[in-house]
Amino acid sequence: MSWVYLAGVLIAYALLMYEHLIVKPTDLTRLNTAFFTLNSTLSIVVFLFTLIDLVVFKG
């Protein structure tokens, strides 16, 4: 995989870390944000960067 895929993995990693930081065991008010919004963003980021890598660099 190329640097584009690696950039997507790093962005996905940052999103996962942010997701874990905003939810505390004593404060679950941001649970919906972490679960629904960030997970959907994460899946789109991984898909797009993988697609770009496959189309541009392997095509």
C-alpha atoms as a PDB file:
ATOM      1  CA  MET A   1       0.000   0.000   0.000  1.00  0.00           C
ATOM      2  CA  SER A   2       1.126   3.522  -0.680  1.00  0.00           C
ATOM      3  CA  TRP A   3       1.467   6.640   1.422  1.00  0.00           C
ATOM      4  CA  VAL A   4      -2.194   7.490   0.734  1.00  0.00           C
ATOM      5  CA  TYR A   5      -3.340   4.346   2.522  1.00  0.00           C
ATOM      6  CA  LEU A   6      -0.937   5.049   5.369  1.00  0.00           C
ATOM      7  CA  ALA A   7      -2.357   8.574   5.695  1.00  0.00           C
ATOM      8  CA  GLY A   8      -5.842   7.077   5.951  1.00  0.00           C
ATOM      9  CA  VAL A   9      -4.697   4.663   8.636  1.00  0.00           C
ATOM     10  CA  LEU A  10      -3.159   7.510  10.618  1.00  0.00           C
ATOM     11  CA  ILE A  11      -6.349   9.569  10.361  1.00  0.00           C
ATOM     12  CA  ALA A  12      -8.358   6.517  11.436  1.00  0.00           C
ATOM     13  CA  TYR A  13      -6.031   6.052  14.393  1.00  0.00           C
ATOM     14  CA  ALA A  14      -6.479   9.696  15.399  1.00  0.00           C
ATOM     15  CA  LEU A  15     -10.262   9.363  15.179  1.00  0.00           C
ATOM     16  CA  LEU A  16     -10.195   6.241  17.365  1.00  0.00           C
ATOM     17  CA  MET A  17      -8.043   7.987  19.960  1.00  0.00           C
ATOM     18  CA  TYR A  18     -10.377  10.994  19.964  1.00  0.00           C
ATOM     19  CA  GLU A  19     -13.350   8.669  20.310  1.00  0.00           C
ATOM     20  CA  HIS A  20     -11.819   7.120  23.397  1.00  0.00           C
ATOM     21  CA  LEU A  21     -10.887  10.489  24.867  1.00  0.00           C
ATOM     22  CA  ILE A  22     -14.344  12.069  24.694  1.00  0.00           C
ATOM     23  CA  VAL A  23     -16.127   9.255  26.553  1.00  0.00           C
ATOM     24  CA  LYS A  24     -15.334   8.898  30.243  1.00  0.00           C
ATOM     25  CA  PRO A  25     -16.585   6.088  32.495  1.00  0.00           C
ATOM     26  CA  THR A  26     -18.288   8.653  34.731  1.00  0.00           C
ATOM     27  CA  ASP A  27     -19.657  10.860  31.928  1.00  0.00           C
ATOM     28  CA  LEU A  28     -21.435   9.119  29.073  1.00  0.00           C
ATOM     29  CA  THR A  29     -23.095  12.212  27.596  1.00  0.00           C
ATOM     30  CA  ARG A  30     -20.940  12.036  24.468  1.00  0.00           C
ATOM     31  CA  LEU A  31     -21.478   8.335  23.877  1.00  0.00           C
ATOM     32  CA  ASN A  32     -23.775   8.914  20.893  1.00  0.00           C
ATOM     33  CA  THR A  33     -21.236  11.248  19.307  1.00  0.00           C
ATOM     34  CA  ALA A  34     -18.464   8.756  19.811  1.00  0.00           C
ATOM     35  CA  PHE A  35     -20.398   5.750  18.645  1.00  0.00           C
ATOM     36  CA  PHE A  36     -22.496   7.014  15.747  1.00  0.00           C
ATOM     37  CA  THR A  37     -20.783  10.095  14.363  1.00  0.00           C
ATOM     38  CA  LEU A  38     -17.142   9.160  14.768  1.00  0.00           C
ATOM     39  CA  ASN A  39     -17.577   5.530  13.744  1.00  0.00           C
ATOM     40  CA  SER A  40     -19.358   6.547  10.554  1.00  0.00           C
ATOM     41  CA  THR A  41     -16.648   9.115   9.842  1.00  0.00           C
ATOM     42  CA  LEU A  42     -14.001   6.497  10.539  1.00  0.00           C
ATOM     43  CA  SER A  43     -15.499   3.993   8.123  1.00  0.00           C
ATOM     44  CA  ILE A  44     -15.792   6.615   5.377  1.00  0.00           C
ATOM     45  CA  VAL A  45     -12.172   7.708   5.877  1.00  0.00           C
ATOM     46  CA  VAL A  46     -10.849   4.148   5.694  1.00  0.00           C
ATOM     47  CA  PHE A  47     -12.972   3.371   2.631  1.00  0.00           C
ATOM     48  CA  LEU A  48     -12.026   6.537   0.730  1.00  0.00           C
ATOM     49  CA  PHE A  49      -8.308   6.330   1.389  1.00  0.00           C
ATOM     50  CA  THR A  50      -8.260   2.639   0.466  1.00  0.00           C
ATOM     51  CA  LEU A  51     -10.233   3.316  -2.711  1.00  0.00           C
ATOM     52  CA  ILE A  52      -7.959   6.201  -3.694  1.00  0.00           C
ATOM     53  CA  ASP A  53      -4.913   4.033  -3.076  1.00  0.00           C
ATOM     54  CA  LEU A  54      -6.270   1.183  -5.182  1.00  0.00           C
ATOM     55  CA  VAL A  55      -7.541   3.322  -8.050  1.00  0.00           C
ATOM     56  CA  VAL A  56      -4.692   5.800  -8.337  1.00  0.00           C
ATOM     57  CA  PHE A  57      -1.652   3.751  -7.410  1.00  0.00           C
ATOM     58  CA  LYS A  58      -2.651   0.219  -8.437  1.00  0.00           C
ATOM     59  CA  GLY A  59      -4.728   1.040 -11.510  1.00  0.00           C
END
